[in-house]
Amino acid sequence: MSWIAWVVIGVIVVIVLLWGVAIYNRLVRQRALVKEGFSGITVQLRRRADLIPNLVSTVEGYATHERETLTQVIAHRGDAVNAKGVAATAQADNAMSAMIGRLFAVAEAYPDLKANANFQQLQAELSEIEEQLQGSRRYYNATVRDLNTSIQSFPNVLFARPLGFHEEEFYTDTDASIQVAPKVQFGAAKA
């Protein structure tokens, strides 16, 4: 083989190596964004968990006979923060959202509580946290989508698995009731 052939082969090898490095760096960046996204969710879950004792103590002053609901909310407030993995965190998050809903249902029965400025402030803070949590979930799922698409796309698929990259799971809501369209029934028109 002539020296020109060796130069061409050398250039091709260098191009393939640079291309592989570029793919690897993009996958590393996307994996870091996924971790950042999940971290954003856990930060919001921690903020919510820290707010719950104040909310419960405010409700306790008015709703002393609703002790079971209040106890459950306090007992499970850190479950989502302490959960391991995306699926366990999502499940604990959904359970806490349901308990908070029950807590606000209890509050509905006490007009004085609903008018309490402290309760209104805590309710507003919780609403803000829930909005930020929803945004964090969307951001996380977008980064997971981008990473998974890159890992599954050709030619990245040739490099991703051998280099230790794998698809991440989406943050999903396992509540079966939201998976089914609600049935709407209108009464028969009276003649």
N, C-alpha and C. Protein backbone atom coordinates (compact mmCIF):
# COMPACT_ATOMS: atom_id res chain seq x y z
N MET A 1 0.84 -1.18 0.00
CA MET A 1 0.00 0.00 0.00
C MET A 1 0.88 1.24 0.00
N SER A 2 0.42 2.22 -0.70
CA SER A 2 1.19 3.46 -0.80
C SER A 2 0.95 4.34 0.42
N TRP A 3 1.82 5.29 0.58
CA TRP A 3 1.70 6.20 1.72
C TRP A 3 0.42 7.03 1.64
N ILE A 4 -0.11 7.29 0.46
CA ILE A 4 -1.36 8.04 0.30
C ILE A 4 -2.52 7.24 0.89
N ALA A 5 -2.54 5.96 0.69
CA ALA A 5 -3.60 5.10 1.24
C ALA A 5 -3.54 5.14 2.76
N TRP A 6 -2.32 5.10 3.32
CA TRP A 6 -2.17 5.15 4.77
C TRP A 6 -2.63 6.49 5.33
N VAL A 7 -2.37 7.56 4.64
CA VAL A 7 -2.82 8.88 5.07
C VAL A 7 -4.35 8.95 5.04
N VAL A 8 -4.96 8.44 3.98
CA VAL A 8 -6.43 8.44 3.88
C VAL A 8 -7.03 7.61 5.01
N ILE A 9 -6.46 6.43 5.28
CA ILE A 9 -6.96 5.58 6.37
C ILE A 9 -6.79 6.30 7.70
N GLY A 10 -5.64 6.96 7.89
CA GLY A 10 -5.40 7.72 9.12
C GLY A 10 -6.40 8.84 9.31
N VAL A 11 -6.71 9.56 8.24
CA VAL A 11 -7.70 10.65 8.32
C VAL A 11 -9.07 10.10 8.66
N ILE A 12 -9.43 8.98 8.05
CA ILE A 12 -10.74 8.37 8.33
C ILE A 12 -10.82 7.93 9.79
N VAL A 13 -9.76 7.33 10.31
CA VAL A 13 -9.74 6.89 11.70
C VAL A 13 -9.88 8.10 12.64
N VAL A 14 -9.16 9.18 12.36
CA VAL A 14 -9.25 10.38 13.18
C VAL A 14 -10.66 10.96 13.15
N ILE A 15 -11.28 10.98 11.97
CA ILE A 15 -12.65 11.49 11.85
C ILE A 15 -13.62 10.64 12.66
N VAL A 16 -13.48 9.32 12.57
CA VAL A 16 -14.36 8.41 13.32
C VAL A 16 -14.16 8.62 14.83
N LEU A 17 -12.92 8.75 15.26
CA LEU A 17 -12.64 8.98 16.68
C LEU A 17 -13.24 10.31 17.16
N LEU A 18 -13.07 11.36 16.39
CA LEU A 18 -13.64 12.66 16.76
C LEU A 18 -15.17 12.60 16.79
N TRP A 19 -15.72 11.89 15.85
CA TRP A 19 -17.17 11.72 15.80
C TRP A 19 -17.65 10.96 17.04
N GLY A 20 -16.94 9.90 17.43
CA GLY A 20 -17.28 9.14 18.64
C GLY A 20 -17.17 9.99 19.89
N VAL A 21 -16.14 10.82 19.96
CA VAL A 21 -15.98 11.72 21.10
C VAL A 21 -17.13 12.71 21.16
N ALA A 22 -17.55 13.24 20.04
CA ALA A 22 -18.67 14.19 20.00
C ALA A 22 -19.96 13.52 20.48
N ILE A 23 -20.21 12.30 20.04
CA ILE A 23 -21.40 11.57 20.48
C ILE A 23 -21.34 11.33 21.98
N TYR A 24 -20.19 10.88 22.46
CA TYR A 24 -20.02 10.61 23.89
C TYR A 24 -20.27 11.88 24.71
N ASN A 25 -19.67 12.99 24.32
CA ASN A 25 -19.85 14.24 25.05
C ASN A 25 -21.30 14.70 25.06
N ARG A 26 -22.01 14.54 23.96
CA ARG A 26 -23.42 14.92 23.91
C ARG A 26 -24.24 14.04 24.86
N LEU A 27 -23.97 12.75 24.89
CA LEU A 27 -24.69 11.85 25.78
C LEU A 27 -24.40 12.17 27.25
N VAL A 28 -23.15 12.50 27.56
CA VAL A 28 -22.79 12.89 28.93
C VAL A 28 -23.55 14.15 29.33
N ARG A 29 -23.60 15.13 28.45
CA ARG A 29 -24.32 16.38 28.72
C ARG A 29 -25.80 16.10 28.95
N GLN A 30 -26.39 15.25 28.12
CA GLN A 30 -27.82 14.95 28.27
C GLN A 30 -28.10 14.17 29.55
N ARG A 31 -27.21 13.26 29.91
CA ARG A 31 -27.38 12.51 31.16
C ARG A 31 -27.30 13.47 32.35
N ALA A 32 -26.39 14.44 32.29
CA ALA A 32 -26.28 15.43 33.37
C ALA A 32 -27.55 16.27 33.47
N LEU A 33 -28.16 16.61 32.35
CA LEU A 33 -29.42 17.36 32.37
C LEU A 33 -30.55 16.55 32.99
N VAL A 34 -30.57 15.24 32.74
CA VAL A 34 -31.58 14.38 33.35
C VAL A 34 -31.40 14.38 34.86
N LYS A 35 -30.17 14.26 35.33
CA LYS A 35 -29.92 14.27 36.78
C LYS A 35 -30.30 15.63 37.37
N GLU A 36 -29.98 16.69 36.66
CA GLU A 36 -30.37 18.03 37.12
C GLU A 36 -31.89 18.15 37.19
N GLY A 37 -32.57 17.62 36.20
CA GLY A 37 -34.04 17.68 36.19
C GLY A 37 -34.64 16.93 37.36
N PHE A 38 -34.12 15.75 37.66
CA PHE A 38 -34.64 14.99 38.79
C PHE A 38 -34.32 15.70 40.10
N SER A 39 -33.17 16.32 40.17
CA SER A 39 -32.80 17.09 41.35
C SER A 39 -33.79 18.24 41.57
N GLY A 40 -34.23 18.88 40.49
CA GLY A 40 -35.23 19.95 40.59
C GLY A 40 -36.53 19.45 41.18
N ILE A 41 -36.93 18.24 40.82
CA ILE A 41 -38.14 17.65 41.39
C ILE A 41 -37.96 17.44 42.88
N THR A 42 -36.82 16.87 43.27
CA THR A 42 -36.62 16.60 44.69
C THR A 42 -36.52 17.87 45.52
N VAL A 43 -35.99 18.93 44.94
CA VAL A 43 -35.95 20.22 45.65
C VAL A 43 -37.37 20.70 45.94
N GLN A 44 -38.25 20.62 44.95
CA GLN A 44 -39.64 21.06 45.15
C GLN A 44 -40.37 20.14 46.14
N LEU A 45 -40.08 18.84 46.07
CA LEU A 45 -40.70 17.91 47.02
C LEU A 45 -40.24 18.23 48.45
N ARG A 46 -38.98 18.59 48.61
CA ARG A 46 -38.46 18.97 49.94
C ARG A 46 -39.15 20.25 50.42
N ARG A 47 -39.30 21.23 49.55
CA ARG A 47 -40.00 22.47 49.93
C ARG A 47 -41.42 22.16 50.38
N ARG A 48 -42.09 21.27 49.64
CA ARG A 48 -43.46 20.91 50.01
C ARG A 48 -43.47 20.18 51.34
N ALA A 49 -42.53 19.24 51.53
CA ALA A 49 -42.47 18.49 52.78
C ALA A 49 -42.20 19.42 53.97
N ASP A 50 -41.38 20.43 53.76
CA ASP A 50 -41.09 21.39 54.83
C ASP A 50 -42.28 22.29 55.15
N LEU A 51 -43.12 22.54 54.18
CA LEU A 51 -44.29 23.41 54.38
C LEU A 51 -45.43 22.67 55.08
N ILE A 52 -45.52 21.38 54.89
CA ILE A 52 -46.66 20.61 55.39
C ILE A 52 -46.85 20.70 56.91
N PRO A 53 -45.80 20.60 57.74
CA PRO A 53 -46.06 20.70 59.19
C PRO A 53 -46.73 22.02 59.59
N ASN A 54 -46.35 23.12 58.95
CA ASN A 54 -46.99 24.40 59.26
C ASN A 54 -48.46 24.38 58.84
N LEU A 55 -48.73 23.80 57.69
CA LEU A 55 -50.10 23.70 57.20
C LEU A 55 -50.93 22.83 58.14
N VAL A 56 -50.38 21.68 58.52
CA VAL A 56 -51.11 20.77 59.41
C VAL A 56 -51.35 21.40 60.77
N SER A 57 -50.36 22.10 61.32
CA SER A 57 -50.56 22.70 62.64
C SER A 57 -51.62 23.79 62.58
N THR A 58 -51.70 24.51 61.47
CA THR A 58 -52.74 25.52 61.32
C THR A 58 -54.11 24.86 61.26
N VAL A 59 -54.22 23.78 60.51
CA VAL A 59 -55.50 23.06 60.41
C VAL A 59 -55.84 22.42 61.74
N GLU A 60 -54.85 21.90 62.46
CA GLU A 60 -55.09 21.23 63.75
C GLU A 60 -55.83 22.12 64.74
N GLY A 61 -55.48 23.39 64.73
CA GLY A 61 -56.15 24.31 65.67
C GLY A 61 -57.64 24.39 65.45
N TYR A 62 -58.09 24.12 64.26
CA TYR A 62 -59.51 24.22 63.94
C TYR A 62 -60.20 22.86 63.85
N ALA A 63 -59.48 21.88 63.37
CA ALA A 63 -60.10 20.58 63.07
C ALA A 63 -59.54 19.49 63.97
N THR A 64 -59.79 19.59 65.24
CA THR A 64 -59.21 18.65 66.19
C THR A 64 -59.74 17.23 66.03
N HIS A 65 -60.95 17.05 65.54
CA HIS A 65 -61.48 15.69 65.40
C HIS A 65 -61.09 15.04 64.07
N GLU A 66 -60.29 15.70 63.27
CA GLU A 66 -59.81 15.13 62.00
C GLU A 66 -58.38 14.62 62.16
N ARG A 67 -58.06 14.12 63.32
CA ARG A 67 -56.70 13.73 63.68
C ARG A 67 -56.11 12.69 62.72
N GLU A 68 -56.90 11.73 62.25
CA GLU A 68 -56.36 10.67 61.38
C GLU A 68 -55.78 11.24 60.09
N THR A 69 -56.50 12.13 59.44
CA THR A 69 -56.01 12.75 58.21
C THR A 69 -54.74 13.53 58.48
N LEU A 70 -54.72 14.30 59.55
CA LEU A 70 -53.55 15.11 59.88
C LEU A 70 -52.34 14.24 60.19
N THR A 71 -52.56 13.16 60.92
CA THR A 71 -51.47 12.24 61.26
C THR A 71 -50.89 11.59 60.01
N GLN A 72 -51.74 11.18 59.08
CA GLN A 72 -51.27 10.56 57.84
C GLN A 72 -50.44 11.53 57.02
N VAL A 73 -50.87 12.76 56.94
CA VAL A 73 -50.14 13.75 56.16
C VAL A 73 -48.75 13.95 56.74
N ILE A 74 -48.66 14.11 58.06
CA ILE A 74 -47.35 14.30 58.71
C ILE A 74 -46.49 13.06 58.55
N ALA A 75 -47.07 11.87 58.74
CA ALA A 75 -46.29 10.63 58.69
C ALA A 75 -45.68 10.39 57.31
N HIS A 76 -46.35 10.84 56.27
CA HIS A 76 -45.88 10.54 54.91
C HIS A 76 -45.28 11.74 54.19
N ARG A 77 -45.06 12.84 54.89
CA ARG A 77 -44.60 14.05 54.22
C ARG A 77 -43.24 13.89 53.57
N GLY A 78 -42.36 13.07 54.10
CA GLY A 78 -41.02 12.92 53.54
C GLY A 78 -40.86 11.73 52.62
N ASP A 79 -41.93 10.96 52.39
CA ASP A 79 -41.81 9.75 51.58
C ASP A 79 -41.27 10.03 50.19
N ALA A 80 -41.74 11.06 49.54
CA ALA A 80 -41.29 11.35 48.17
C ALA A 80 -39.84 11.80 48.15
N VAL A 81 -39.42 12.52 49.17
CA VAL A 81 -38.04 13.00 49.23
C VAL A 81 -37.09 11.83 49.50
N ASN A 82 -37.53 10.88 50.31
CA ASN A 82 -36.68 9.76 50.70
C ASN A 82 -36.77 8.56 49.75
N ALA A 83 -37.67 8.61 48.80
CA ALA A 83 -37.85 7.48 47.88
C ALA A 83 -36.61 7.30 47.02
N LYS A 84 -36.36 6.08 46.63
CA LYS A 84 -35.22 5.76 45.78
C LYS A 84 -35.72 5.47 44.37
N GLY A 85 -35.27 6.25 43.43
CA GLY A 85 -35.63 6.04 42.04
C GLY A 85 -36.81 6.88 41.61
N VAL A 86 -36.95 6.97 40.30
CA VAL A 86 -37.98 7.81 39.71
C VAL A 86 -39.38 7.26 40.00
N ALA A 87 -39.59 5.96 39.79
CA ALA A 87 -40.93 5.38 39.97
C ALA A 87 -41.39 5.49 41.42
N ALA A 88 -40.51 5.18 42.37
CA ALA A 88 -40.88 5.25 43.78
C ALA A 88 -41.17 6.70 44.20
N THR A 89 -40.38 7.63 43.67
CA THR A 89 -40.61 9.05 43.98
C THR A 89 -41.95 9.51 43.44
N ALA A 90 -42.25 9.12 42.20
CA ALA A 90 -43.52 9.51 41.59
C ALA A 90 -44.70 8.94 42.37
N GLN A 91 -44.58 7.68 42.80
CA GLN A 91 -45.67 7.05 43.55
C GLN A 91 -45.88 7.76 44.89
N ALA A 92 -44.79 8.05 45.60
CA ALA A 92 -44.92 8.75 46.88
C ALA A 92 -45.44 10.17 46.69
N ASP A 93 -45.02 10.81 45.61
CA ASP A 93 -45.48 12.17 45.28
C ASP A 93 -46.99 12.15 45.05
N ASN A 94 -47.47 11.18 44.29
CA ASN A 94 -48.91 11.07 44.01
C ASN A 94 -49.70 10.83 45.30
N ALA A 95 -49.16 9.99 46.18
CA ALA A 95 -49.85 9.70 47.44
C ALA A 95 -49.93 10.97 48.30
N MET A 96 -48.83 11.74 48.33
CA MET A 96 -48.84 12.97 49.13
C MET A 96 -49.81 13.99 48.53
N SER A 97 -49.87 14.09 47.22
CA SER A 97 -50.82 15.02 46.59
C SER A 97 -52.26 14.66 46.97
N ALA A 98 -52.55 13.36 47.02
CA ALA A 98 -53.89 12.93 47.42
C ALA A 98 -54.17 13.29 48.88
N MET A 99 -53.17 13.10 49.75
CA MET A 99 -53.35 13.44 51.17
C MET A 99 -53.54 14.95 51.36
N ILE A 100 -52.80 15.74 50.59
CA ILE A 100 -52.97 17.20 50.69
C ILE A 100 -54.36 17.58 50.22
N GLY A 101 -54.86 16.90 49.19
CA GLY A 101 -56.24 17.14 48.75
C GLY A 101 -57.24 16.85 49.86
N ARG A 102 -57.02 15.75 50.61
CA ARG A 102 -57.91 15.43 51.73
C ARG A 102 -57.78 16.47 52.83
N LEU A 103 -56.57 16.98 53.03
CA LEU A 103 -56.35 18.02 54.05
C LEU A 103 -57.14 19.27 53.70
N PHE A 104 -57.13 19.66 52.43
CA PHE A 104 -57.90 20.83 52.03
C PHE A 104 -59.40 20.55 52.06
N ALA A 105 -59.79 19.30 51.86
CA ALA A 105 -61.21 18.95 51.99
C ALA A 105 -61.65 19.13 53.45
N VAL A 106 -60.78 18.76 54.37
CA VAL A 106 -61.07 18.98 55.80
C VAL A 106 -61.23 20.47 56.06
N ALA A 107 -60.33 21.26 55.48
CA ALA A 107 -60.36 22.71 55.70
C ALA A 107 -61.66 23.33 55.18
N GLU A 108 -62.22 22.75 54.14
CA GLU A 108 -63.47 23.28 53.58
C GLU A 108 -64.60 23.28 54.60
N ALA A 109 -64.54 22.36 55.55
CA ALA A 109 -65.61 22.25 56.55
C ALA A 109 -65.50 23.31 57.65
N TYR A 110 -64.42 24.11 57.63
CA TYR A 110 -64.19 25.09 58.68
C TYR A 110 -64.02 26.48 58.07
N PRO A 111 -65.10 27.24 57.98
CA PRO A 111 -65.03 28.58 57.37
C PRO A 111 -64.03 29.50 58.07
N ASP A 112 -63.90 29.38 59.39
CA ASP A 112 -62.94 30.22 60.11
C ASP A 112 -61.51 29.91 59.68
N LEU A 113 -61.25 28.64 59.44
CA LEU A 113 -59.91 28.22 58.99
C LEU A 113 -59.63 28.76 57.60
N LYS A 114 -60.60 28.65 56.72
CA LYS A 114 -60.41 29.15 55.35
C LYS A 114 -60.16 30.65 55.33
N ALA A 115 -60.69 31.36 56.33
CA ALA A 115 -60.51 32.81 56.40
C ALA A 115 -59.23 33.20 57.13
N ASN A 116 -58.57 32.24 57.78
CA ASN A 116 -57.35 32.50 58.54
C ASN A 116 -56.23 32.93 57.60
N ALA A 117 -55.60 34.08 57.89
CA ALA A 117 -54.55 34.63 57.02
C ALA A 117 -53.36 33.69 56.90
N ASN A 118 -52.98 33.06 58.01
CA ASN A 118 -51.85 32.14 57.98
C ASN A 118 -52.16 30.95 57.05
N PHE A 119 -53.37 30.41 57.17
CA PHE A 119 -53.77 29.29 56.32
C PHE A 119 -53.78 29.72 54.85
N GLN A 120 -54.28 30.89 54.57
CA GLN A 120 -54.31 31.38 53.19
C GLN A 120 -52.90 31.54 52.63
N GLN A 121 -51.98 32.05 53.46
CA GLN A 121 -50.60 32.21 53.01
C GLN A 121 -49.97 30.84 52.74
N LEU A 122 -50.18 29.89 53.65
CA LEU A 122 -49.63 28.55 53.46
C LEU A 122 -50.23 27.89 52.21
N GLN A 123 -51.51 28.10 52.00
CA GLN A 123 -52.18 27.55 50.83
C GLN A 123 -51.59 28.15 49.55
N ALA A 124 -51.32 29.45 49.56
CA ALA A 124 -50.72 30.12 48.40
C ALA A 124 -49.31 29.60 48.15
N GLU A 125 -48.52 29.42 49.23
CA GLU A 125 -47.17 28.89 49.08
C GLU A 125 -47.19 27.47 48.51
N LEU A 126 -48.13 26.67 49.01
CA LEU A 126 -48.25 25.30 48.51
C LEU A 126 -48.65 25.30 47.05
N SER A 127 -49.53 26.18 46.68
CA SER A 127 -49.94 26.29 45.28
C SER A 127 -48.75 26.66 44.39
N GLU A 128 -47.92 27.59 44.87
CA GLU A 128 -46.73 27.99 44.12
C GLU A 128 -45.75 26.82 43.99
N ILE A 129 -45.55 26.09 45.07
CA ILE A 129 -44.66 24.92 45.04
C ILE A 129 -45.19 23.88 44.06
N GLU A 130 -46.49 23.64 44.07
CA GLU A 130 -47.08 22.65 43.16
C GLU A 130 -46.87 23.06 41.70
N GLU A 131 -46.98 24.36 41.42
CA GLU A 131 -46.74 24.84 40.05
C GLU A 131 -45.28 24.62 39.66
N GLN A 132 -44.36 24.93 40.58
CA GLN A 132 -42.94 24.73 40.29
C GLN A 132 -42.61 23.25 40.17
N LEU A 133 -43.27 22.43 40.97
CA LEU A 133 -43.08 20.98 40.89
C LEU A 133 -43.55 20.45 39.55
N GLN A 134 -44.68 20.95 39.09
CA GLN A 134 -45.18 20.55 37.77
C GLN A 134 -44.19 20.94 36.67
N GLY A 135 -43.64 22.14 36.77
CA GLY A 135 -42.63 22.58 35.80
C GLY A 135 -41.38 21.71 35.87
N SER A 136 -40.97 21.34 37.08
CA SER A 136 -39.79 20.48 37.24
C SER A 136 -40.03 19.10 36.63
N ARG A 137 -41.24 18.58 36.81
CA ARG A 137 -41.57 17.28 36.21
C ARG A 137 -41.51 17.36 34.69
N ARG A 138 -42.05 18.43 34.12
CA ARG A 138 -42.02 18.60 32.66
C ARG A 138 -40.59 18.72 32.15
N TYR A 139 -39.77 19.50 32.85
CA TYR A 139 -38.37 19.67 32.46
C TYR A 139 -37.64 18.33 32.51
N TYR A 140 -37.85 17.58 33.60
CA TYR A 140 -37.20 16.28 33.74
C TYR A 140 -37.61 15.37 32.58
N ASN A 141 -38.90 15.28 32.32
CA ASN A 141 -39.37 14.40 31.24
C ASN A 141 -38.84 14.84 29.88
N ALA A 142 -38.68 16.14 29.67
CA ALA A 142 -38.11 16.62 28.40
C ALA A 142 -36.65 16.19 28.27
N THR A 143 -35.90 16.27 29.37
CA THR A 143 -34.50 15.86 29.29
C THR A 143 -34.38 14.35 29.12
N VAL A 144 -35.28 13.59 29.74
CA VAL A 144 -35.29 12.14 29.56
C VAL A 144 -35.61 11.80 28.10
N ARG A 145 -36.59 12.51 27.54
CA ARG A 145 -36.94 12.29 26.14
C ARG A 145 -35.74 12.52 25.23
N ASP A 146 -35.03 13.63 25.46
CA ASP A 146 -33.88 13.95 24.62
C ASP A 146 -32.78 12.90 24.77
N LEU A 147 -32.49 12.49 26.00
CA LEU A 147 -31.46 11.48 26.21
C LEU A 147 -31.85 10.16 25.58
N ASN A 148 -33.08 9.71 25.83
CA ASN A 148 -33.53 8.44 25.27
C ASN A 148 -33.53 8.46 23.75
N THR A 149 -33.92 9.57 23.16
CA THR A 149 -33.91 9.69 21.70
C THR A 149 -32.49 9.59 21.18
N SER A 150 -31.56 10.26 21.84
CA SER A 150 -30.16 10.20 21.41
C SER A 150 -29.60 8.79 21.52
N ILE A 151 -29.91 8.11 22.62
CA ILE A 151 -29.38 6.76 22.83
C ILE A 151 -29.94 5.80 21.79
N GLN A 152 -31.19 5.98 21.40
CA GLN A 152 -31.84 5.05 20.49
C GLN A 152 -31.61 5.38 19.02
N SER A 153 -31.05 6.55 18.73
CA SER A 153 -30.87 6.99 17.34
C SER A 153 -29.57 6.43 16.77
N PHE A 154 -29.61 6.17 15.47
CA PHE A 154 -28.41 5.75 14.77
C PHE A 154 -27.62 6.98 14.40
N PRO A 155 -26.39 7.04 14.55
CA PRO A 155 -25.39 6.03 14.90
C PRO A 155 -25.08 5.99 16.39
N ASN A 156 -25.72 6.84 17.20
CA ASN A 156 -25.44 6.87 18.64
C ASN A 156 -25.64 5.52 19.29
N VAL A 157 -26.61 4.76 18.80
CA VAL A 157 -26.92 3.46 19.38
C VAL A 157 -25.70 2.53 19.33
N LEU A 158 -24.82 2.74 18.37
CA LEU A 158 -23.61 1.92 18.26
C LEU A 158 -22.62 2.22 19.40
N PHE A 159 -22.67 3.44 19.93
CA PHE A 159 -21.71 3.86 20.96
C PHE A 159 -22.34 3.87 22.36
N ALA A 160 -23.61 4.19 22.47
CA ALA A 160 -24.24 4.47 23.76
C ALA A 160 -24.15 3.30 24.74
N ARG A 161 -24.65 2.16 24.38
CA ARG A 161 -24.66 1.02 25.31
C ARG A 161 -23.24 0.55 25.67
N PRO A 162 -22.35 0.40 24.70
CA PRO A 162 -20.98 0.00 25.07
C PRO A 162 -20.29 1.00 26.00
N LEU A 163 -20.69 2.27 25.93
CA LEU A 163 -20.08 3.30 26.78
C LEU A 163 -20.83 3.47 28.11
N GLY A 164 -21.86 2.63 28.36
CA GLY A 164 -22.55 2.63 29.65
C GLY A 164 -23.78 3.51 29.73
N PHE A 165 -24.29 3.98 28.61
CA PHE A 165 -25.49 4.80 28.63
C PHE A 165 -26.72 3.91 28.47
N HIS A 166 -27.78 4.26 29.16
CA HIS A 166 -29.05 3.52 29.05
C HIS A 166 -30.21 4.51 29.14
N GLU A 167 -31.37 4.06 28.68
CA GLU A 167 -32.55 4.92 28.73
C GLU A 167 -32.96 5.15 30.18
N GLU A 168 -33.46 6.33 30.44
CA GLU A 168 -33.98 6.68 31.77
C GLU A 168 -35.50 6.57 31.73
N GLU A 169 -36.10 6.36 32.90
CA GLU A 169 -37.55 6.27 32.94
C GLU A 169 -38.18 7.64 33.14
N PHE A 170 -39.34 7.81 32.55
CA PHE A 170 -40.08 9.06 32.67
C PHE A 170 -40.73 9.15 34.04
N TYR A 171 -40.97 10.37 34.48
CA TYR A 171 -41.69 10.64 35.71
C TYR A 171 -43.17 10.59 35.35
N THR A 172 -43.85 9.55 35.78
CA THR A 172 -45.24 9.37 35.36
C THR A 172 -46.17 9.35 36.57
N ASP A 173 -47.40 9.68 36.32
CA ASP A 173 -48.45 9.64 37.32
C ASP A 173 -49.16 8.31 37.17
N THR A 174 -49.14 7.51 38.21
CA THR A 174 -49.71 6.17 38.16
C THR A 174 -51.19 6.14 38.55
N ASP A 175 -51.77 7.29 38.79
CA ASP A 175 -53.18 7.36 39.17
C ASP A 175 -54.03 6.90 37.98
N ALA A 176 -54.69 5.77 38.15
CA ALA A 176 -55.47 5.19 37.05
C ALA A 176 -56.63 6.09 36.63
N SER A 177 -57.14 6.90 37.54
CA SER A 177 -58.31 7.72 37.22
C SER A 177 -57.99 8.77 36.16
N ILE A 178 -56.74 9.20 36.04
CA ILE A 178 -56.41 10.21 35.03
C ILE A 178 -56.13 9.58 33.67
N GLN A 179 -56.03 8.26 33.64
CA GLN A 179 -55.75 7.57 32.39
C GLN A 179 -57.02 7.32 31.57
N VAL A 180 -58.17 7.52 32.19
CA VAL A 180 -59.45 7.24 31.54
C VAL A 180 -60.24 8.54 31.40
N ALA A 181 -60.81 8.75 30.25
CA ALA A 181 -61.62 9.95 30.04
C ALA A 181 -62.86 9.88 30.93
N PRO A 182 -63.23 10.98 31.55
CA PRO A 182 -64.42 10.96 32.40
C PRO A 182 -65.68 10.76 31.56
N LYS A 183 -66.65 10.08 32.16
CA LYS A 183 -67.92 9.87 31.47
C LYS A 183 -68.84 11.03 31.81
N VAL A 184 -69.34 11.64 30.79
CA VAL A 184 -70.25 12.76 30.97
C VAL A 184 -71.62 12.31 30.52
N GLN A 185 -72.61 12.46 31.42
CA GLN A 185 -73.96 12.05 31.09
C GLN A 185 -74.89 13.21 31.35
N PHE A 186 -75.67 13.50 30.39
CA PHE A 186 -76.65 14.55 30.55
C PHE A 186 -78.01 13.89 30.74
N GLY A 187 -78.80 14.46 31.61
CA GLY A 187 -80.13 13.91 31.84
C GLY A 187 -81.00 14.06 30.60
N ALA A 188 -81.99 13.23 30.50
CA ALA A 188 -82.90 13.30 29.36
C ALA A 188 -83.69 14.60 29.45
N ALA A 189 -83.86 15.23 28.32
CA ALA A 189 -84.61 16.48 28.28
C ALA A 189 -86.07 16.20 28.62
N LYS A 190 -86.62 17.06 29.44
CA LYS A 190 -88.03 16.90 29.83
C LYS A 190 -88.90 17.63 28.82
N ALA A 191 -89.97 16.98 28.44
CA ALA A 191 -90.86 17.56 27.46
C ALA A 191 -91.92 18.41 28.09
